C-alpha atoms as a PDB file:
ATOM      1  CA  MET A   1     -54.900  18.119 -28.865  1.00  0.00           C
ATOM      2  CA  LYS A   2     -51.509  18.230 -27.213  1.00  0.00           C
ATOM      3  CA  THR A   3     -51.554  19.111 -23.429  1.00  0.00           C
ATOM      4  CA  GLU A   4     -49.300  21.935 -22.398  1.00  0.00           C
ATOM      5  CA  LYS A   5     -46.162  21.308 -20.213  1.00  0.00           C
ATOM      6  CA  ILE A   6     -47.068  22.030 -16.513  1.00  0.00           C
ATOM      7  CA  LEU A   7     -44.130  24.040 -15.181  1.00  0.00           C
ATOM      8  CA  GLY A   8     -42.139  24.032 -12.035  1.00  0.00           C
ATOM      9  CA  GLU A   9     -44.063  24.824  -8.813  1.00  0.00           C
ATOM     10  CA  GLU A  10     -47.428  24.099 -10.102  1.00  0.00           C
ATOM     11  CA  ARG A  11     -46.322  20.676 -11.323  1.00  0.00           C
ATOM     12  CA  ARG A  12     -44.776  19.632  -7.998  1.00  0.00           C
ATOM     13  CA  ASN A  13     -47.967  20.757  -6.367  1.00  0.00           C
ATOM     14  CA  LEU A  14     -50.005  18.570  -8.862  1.00  0.00           C
ATOM     15  CA  LEU A  15     -47.592  15.763  -8.347  1.00  0.00           C
ATOM     16  CA  LEU A  16     -48.428  16.156  -4.369  1.00  0.00           C
ATOM     17  CA  ASP A  17     -52.032  16.213  -4.878  1.00  0.00           C
ATOM     18  CA  ILE A  18     -51.830  13.123  -7.368  1.00  0.00           C
ATOM     19  CA  LEU A  19     -49.644  10.871  -5.176  1.00  0.00           C
ATOM     20  CA  SER A  20     -51.412  12.005  -1.637  1.00  0.00           C
ATOM     21  CA  LYS A  21     -54.724  10.941  -3.520  1.00  0.00           C
ATOM     22  CA  ALA A  22     -53.487   7.559  -5.043  1.00  0.00           C
ATOM     23  CA  ASP A  23     -54.234   4.198  -3.454  1.00  0.00           C
ATOM     24  CA  LYS A  24     -51.520   2.338  -5.387  1.00  0.00           C
ATOM     25  CA  PRO A  25     -48.040   3.346  -6.341  1.00  0.00           C
ATOM     26  CA  ILE A  26     -47.791   5.655  -9.403  1.00  0.00           C
ATOM     27  CA  THR A  27     -45.056   5.210 -11.905  1.00  0.00           C
ATOM     28  CA  GLY A  28     -42.612   8.035 -13.053  1.00  0.00           C
ATOM     29  CA  GLY A  29     -43.838   7.496 -16.589  1.00  0.00           C
ATOM     30  CA  GLU A  30     -47.453   7.955 -15.656  1.00  0.00           C
ATOM     31  CA  LEU A  31     -46.649  11.079 -13.823  1.00  0.00           C
ATOM     32  CA  ALA A  32     -44.541  12.370 -16.686  1.00  0.00           C
ATOM     33  CA  SER A  33     -47.270  11.634 -19.042  1.00  0.00           C
ATOM     34  CA  THR A  34     -49.985  13.570 -16.817  1.00  0.00           C
ATOM     35  CA  THR A  35     -47.799  16.469 -16.606  1.00  0.00           C
ATOM     36  CA  ASN A  36     -46.172  16.484 -20.082  1.00  0.00           C
ATOM     37  CA  VAL A  37     -42.641  16.350 -19.164  1.00  0.00           C
ATOM     38  CA  SER A  38     -40.118  13.841 -19.123  1.00  0.00           C
ATOM     39  CA  ARG A  39     -39.703  11.075 -16.390  1.00  0.00           C
ATOM     40  CA  GLN A  40     -36.102  12.871 -15.563  1.00  0.00           C
ATOM     41  CA  VAL A  41     -38.028  16.029 -14.785  1.00  0.00           C
ATOM     42  CA  ILE A  42     -40.346  13.896 -12.525  1.00  0.00           C
ATOM     43  CA  VAL A  43     -37.248  12.080 -10.853  1.00  0.00           C
ATOM     44  CA  GLN A  44     -35.837  15.939  -9.942  1.00  0.00           C
ATOM     45  CA  ASP A  45     -39.254  16.970  -8.718  1.00  0.00           C
ATOM     46  CA  VAL A  46     -39.753  14.037  -6.270  1.00  0.00           C
ATOM     47  CA  SER A  47     -36.172  14.564  -5.173  1.00  0.00           C
ATOM     48  CA  LEU A  48     -37.093  18.183  -4.447  1.00  0.00           C
ATOM     49  CA  LEU A  49     -40.135  17.192  -2.743  1.00  0.00           C
ATOM     50  CA  LYS A  50     -38.348  14.770  -0.505  1.00  0.00           C
ATOM     51  CA  ALA A  51     -35.758  17.582   0.265  1.00  0.00           C
ATOM     52  CA  LYS A  52     -38.895  19.351   1.599  1.00  0.00           C
ATOM     53  CA  ASN A  53     -39.776  16.480   3.886  1.00  0.00           C
ATOM     54  CA  TYR A  54     -42.802  15.163   2.039  1.00  0.00           C
ATOM     55  CA  PRO A  55     -43.271  11.525   2.666  1.00  0.00           C
ATOM     56  CA  ILE A  56     -42.594  10.316  -0.936  1.00  0.00           C
ATOM     57  CA  MET A  57     -41.066   6.874  -1.300  1.00  0.00           C
ATOM     58  CA  ALA A  58     -39.729   5.226  -4.575  1.00  0.00           C
ATOM     59  CA  THR A  59     -40.749   1.432  -4.820  1.00  0.00           C
ATOM     60  CA  SER A  60     -40.475  -0.871  -7.374  1.00  0.00           C
ATOM     61  CA  GLN A  61     -44.078  -0.382  -8.412  1.00  0.00           C
ATOM     62  CA  GLY A  62     -43.764   3.313  -8.544  1.00  0.00           C
ATOM     63  CA  TYR A  63     -43.916   6.486  -6.270  1.00  0.00           C
ATOM     64  CA  VAL A  64     -46.298   6.585  -3.032  1.00  0.00           C
ATOM     65  CA  PHE A  65     -47.105   8.964  -0.535  1.00  0.00           C
ATOM     66  CA  LEU A  66     -46.381   7.089   2.482  1.00  0.00           C
ATOM     67  CA  ASN A  67     -49.251   8.436   4.681  1.00  0.00           C
ATOM     68  CA  ASN A  68     -51.585   6.782   2.399  1.00  0.00           C
ATOM     69  CA  GLN A  69     -50.370   3.362   1.973  1.00  0.00           C
ATOM     70  CA  HIS A  70     -51.623   2.006   5.620  1.00  0.00           C
ATOM     71  CA  ASP A  71     -53.154   3.263   8.383  1.00  0.00           C
ATOM     72  CA  GLN A  72     -50.295   3.222  10.726  1.00  0.00           C
ATOM     73  CA  ASN A  73     -52.199   2.971  13.858  1.00  0.00           C
ATOM     74  CA  LYS A  74     -53.945  -0.068  12.979  1.00  0.00           C
ATOM     75  CA  LEU A  75     -50.940  -2.176  11.894  1.00  0.00           C
ATOM     76  CA  VAL A  76     -48.307  -4.086  13.728  1.00  0.00           C
ATOM     77  CA  GLU A  77     -44.708  -4.200  12.631  1.00  0.00           C
ATOM     78  CA  ARG A  78     -42.155  -7.215  13.140  1.00  0.00           C
ATOM     79  CA  ILE A  79     -38.569  -7.450  11.707  1.00  0.00           C
ATOM     80  CA  ILE A  80     -37.478 -10.998  10.898  1.00  0.00           C
ATOM     81  CA  ALA A  81     -34.445 -12.784   9.340  1.00  0.00           C
ATOM     82  CA  CYS A  82     -34.247 -14.973   6.424  1.00  0.00           C
ATOM     83  CA  LYS A  83     -32.005 -16.903   4.489  1.00  0.00           C
ATOM     84  CA  HIS A  84     -32.381 -18.411   0.995  1.00  0.00           C
ATOM     85  CA  ALA A  85     -31.150 -18.561  -2.505  1.00  0.00           C
ATOM     86  CA  PRO A  86     -31.942 -15.873  -5.010  1.00  0.00           C
ATOM     87  CA  GLU A  87     -34.391 -18.082  -7.015  1.00  0.00           C
ATOM     88  CA  GLN A  88     -36.482 -18.757  -3.782  1.00  0.00           C
ATOM     89  CA  THR A  89     -37.309 -14.925  -3.271  1.00  0.00           C
ATOM     90  CA  LYS A  90     -40.823 -15.093  -4.988  1.00  0.00           C
ATOM     91  CA  GLU A  91     -41.691 -18.372  -2.686  1.00  0.00           C
ATOM     92  CA  GLU A  92     -40.594 -16.393   0.395  1.00  0.00           C
ATOM     93  CA  LEU A  93     -42.542 -13.114  -0.555  1.00  0.00           C
ATOM     94  CA  SER A  94     -45.799 -15.254  -1.884  1.00  0.00           C
ATOM     95  CA  ILE A  95     -45.668 -16.979   1.530  1.00  0.00           C
ATOM     96  CA  LEU A  96     -45.750 -13.805   3.418  1.00  0.00           C
ATOM     97  CA  VAL A  97     -48.547 -11.981   1.274  1.00  0.00           C
ATOM     98  CA  ASP A  98     -50.633 -15.076   1.388  1.00  0.00           C
ATOM     99  CA  HIS A  99     -50.833 -14.715   4.939  1.00  0.00           C
ATOM    100  CA  GLY A 100     -52.053 -10.970   4.836  1.00  0.00           C
ATOM    101  CA  VAL A 101     -48.647  -9.728   5.624  1.00  0.00           C
ATOM    102  CA  PHE A 102     -47.263  -6.277   3.602  1.00  0.00           C
ATOM    103  CA  VAL A 103     -43.453  -6.321   3.073  1.00  0.00           C
ATOM    104  CA  LYS A 104     -42.215  -3.160   3.546  1.00  0.00           C
ATOM    105  CA  ASP A 105     -38.491  -3.695   2.797  1.00  0.00           C
ATOM    106  CA  VAL A 106     -35.421  -5.907   2.768  1.00  0.00           C
ATOM    107  CA  ILE A 107     -32.168  -4.924   4.921  1.00  0.00           C
ATOM    108  CA  VAL A 108     -28.992  -6.385   4.919  1.00  0.00           C
ATOM    109  CA  GLU A 109     -25.672  -5.660   6.706  1.00  0.00           C
ATOM    110  CA  HIS A 110     -22.898  -5.004   4.360  1.00  0.00           C
ATOM    111  CA  GLN A 111     -19.208  -5.547   5.632  1.00  0.00           C
ATOM    112  CA  VAL A 112     -18.218  -2.281   3.929  1.00  0.00           C
ATOM    113  CA  TYR A 113     -21.423  -0.027   3.640  1.00  0.00           C
ATOM    114  CA  GLY A 114     -23.024  -1.159   6.868  1.00  0.00           C
ATOM    115  CA  GLU A 115     -26.934  -1.443   6.943  1.00  0.00           C
ATOM    116  CA  LEU A 116     -28.447  -1.331   3.543  1.00  0.00           C
ATOM    117  CA  THR A 117     -32.192  -0.842   3.128  1.00  0.00           C
ATOM    118  CA  ALA A 118     -34.468  -1.108   0.056  1.00  0.00           C
ATOM    119  CA  SER A 119     -38.159  -0.519  -0.299  1.00  0.00           C
ATOM    120  CA  ILE A 120     -39.919  -3.841  -1.464  1.00  0.00           C
ATOM    121  CA  MET A 121     -43.591  -2.650  -0.684  1.00  0.00           C
ATOM    122  CA  VAL A 122     -45.579  -5.624  -1.793  1.00  0.00           C
ATOM    123  CA  GLY A 123     -48.603  -6.857  -0.342  1.00  0.00           C
ATOM    124  CA  ASN A 124     -50.302  -9.367  -2.615  1.00  0.00           C
ATOM    125  CA  ARG A 125     -49.253 -11.993  -5.500  1.00  0.00           C
ATOM    126  CA  ASN A 126     -49.600  -9.127  -8.146  1.00  0.00           C
ATOM    127  CA  ASP A 127     -47.003  -6.714  -6.346  1.00  0.00           C
ATOM    128  CA  VAL A 128     -44.773 -10.024  -5.787  1.00  0.00           C
ATOM    129  CA  ASN A 129     -44.867 -10.823  -9.567  1.00  0.00           C
ATOM    130  CA  GLU A 130     -44.142  -7.424 -10.582  1.00  0.00           C
ATOM    131  CA  PHE A 131     -41.287  -6.903  -8.287  1.00  0.00           C
ATOM    132  CA  ILE A 132     -39.731 -10.188  -9.637  1.00  0.00           C
ATOM    133  CA  LYS A 133     -40.412  -8.988 -13.411  1.00  0.00           C
ATOM    134  CA  LYS A 134     -38.678  -5.981 -12.574  1.00  0.00           C
ATOM    135  CA  ILE A 135     -35.576  -7.611 -10.943  1.00  0.00           C
ATOM    136  CA  ASN A 136     -35.418  -9.816 -14.105  1.00  0.00           C
ATOM    137  CA  ARG A 137     -36.131  -6.757 -16.498  1.00  0.00           C
ATOM    138  CA  TYR A 138     -33.194  -4.981 -15.231  1.00  0.00           C
ATOM    139  CA  ASN A 139     -31.244  -8.092 -14.581  1.00  0.00           C
ATOM    140  CA  ALA A 140     -30.772  -6.708 -10.970  1.00  0.00           C
ATOM    141  CA  SER A 141     -29.190  -8.582  -8.081  1.00  0.00           C
ATOM    142  CA  TYR A 142     -31.141  -9.160  -4.906  1.00  0.00           C
ATOM    143  CA  LEU A 143     -29.620  -7.428  -1.737  1.00  0.00           C
ATOM    144  CA  SER A 144     -29.326 -10.523  -0.027  1.00  0.00           C
ATOM    145  CA  GLN A 145     -26.775 -11.775  -2.520  1.00  0.00           C
ATOM    146  CA  LEU A 146     -24.373  -9.408  -0.760  1.00  0.00           C
ATOM    147  CA  THR A 147     -24.876 -11.659   2.451  1.00  0.00           C
ATOM    148  CA  GLY A 148     -24.990 -14.976   1.061  1.00  0.00           C
ATOM    149  CA  GLY A 149     -28.840 -14.865   1.172  1.00  0.00           C
ATOM    150  CA  LEU A 150     -29.078 -13.611   4.751  1.00  0.00           C
ATOM    151  CA  HIS A 151     -31.414 -10.586   5.079  1.00  0.00           C
ATOM    152  CA  LEU A 152     -34.099  -9.096   7.301  1.00  0.00           C
ATOM    153  CA  HIS A 153     -37.731  -7.860   6.263  1.00  0.00           C
ATOM    154  CA  THR A 154     -39.932  -5.219   7.821  1.00  0.00           C
ATOM    155  CA  LEU A 155     -43.389  -6.870   7.741  1.00  0.00           C
ATOM    156  CA  GLN A 156     -46.744  -5.236   8.667  1.00  0.00           C
ATOM    157  CA  ALA A 157     -50.059  -6.580   9.123  1.00  0.00           C
ATOM    158  CA  ASP A 158     -53.315  -5.795  10.942  1.00  0.00           C
ATOM    159  CA  SER A 159     -52.740  -8.580  13.620  1.00  0.00           C
ATOM    160  CA  LEU A 160     -49.790 -10.361  15.121  1.00  0.00           C
ATOM    161  CA  ASP A 161     -51.584 -13.539  14.282  1.00  0.00           C
ATOM    162  CA  LYS A 162     -50.988 -13.133  10.911  1.00  0.00           C
ATOM    163  CA  ILE A 163     -47.151 -12.295  11.048  1.00  0.00           C
ATOM    164  CA  ASP A 164     -46.926 -15.196  13.484  1.00  0.00           C
ATOM    165  CA  LEU A 165     -48.498 -17.592  10.911  1.00  0.00           C
ATOM    166  CA  ALA A 166     -46.507 -16.396   8.098  1.00  0.00           C
ATOM    167  CA  CYS A 167     -43.431 -16.929  10.207  1.00  0.00           C
ATOM    168  CA  LYS A 168     -44.421 -20.345  10.761  1.00  0.00           C
ATOM    169  CA  ALA A 169     -44.921 -21.092   7.154  1.00  0.00           C
ATOM    170  CA  LEU A 170     -41.421 -19.415   6.395  1.00  0.00           C
ATOM    171  CA  ASP A 171     -39.885 -21.600   9.091  1.00  0.00           C
ATOM    172  CA  GLU A 172     -41.659 -24.863   7.420  1.00  0.00           C
ATOM    173  CA  GLU A 173     -39.868 -23.917   4.238  1.00  0.00           C
ATOM    174  CA  GLY A 174     -36.498 -23.168   5.803  1.00  0.00           C
ATOM    175  CA  PHE A 175     -36.448 -19.688   5.021  1.00  0.00           C
ATOM    176  CA  LEU A 176     -36.660 -18.239   8.845  1.00  0.00           C
ATOM    177  CA  VAL A 177     -33.544 -17.664  10.558  1.00  0.00           C
ATOM    178  CA  LYS A 178     -33.962 -18.245  14.494  1.00  0.00           C
ATOM    179  CA  GLU A 179     -31.619 -16.880  17.193  1.00  0.00           C
END
């Protein structure tokens, strides 16, 4: 039995409902399958929803409705500076998530484009592994390669102690850049 294609506004409302209730990222392919449309239609729908100021973000693991990712009132946030070779990215991210820290993004200061920010959204070893697999699958470059390995991360955790311990571990490995 073939499911009928869900059209236009009804489909976008369904996407909002699915994403707002999800506790993990949902890929464009999964959303396309659910609504019986192509992934490209989902990409267009998400762009339209974002233009209407719905807090949807595309991450390496799929789409997320930002209000569901974390209770922002209970989290502390810190931006840190790191520097390392591309092949050390998995180790860096693993250290952070192993200390209970969520890595929200990576930021580089490019000499031509200015500040470039990319969503990472990893909070555990599985997320890190999937992120690295995707980088490898698409033969993508890390943003930090544009700046000789220097980059920033926005970190989130439920306590400053977790971020402090994670930073100490990064420092011990030589990844943390201090003032």
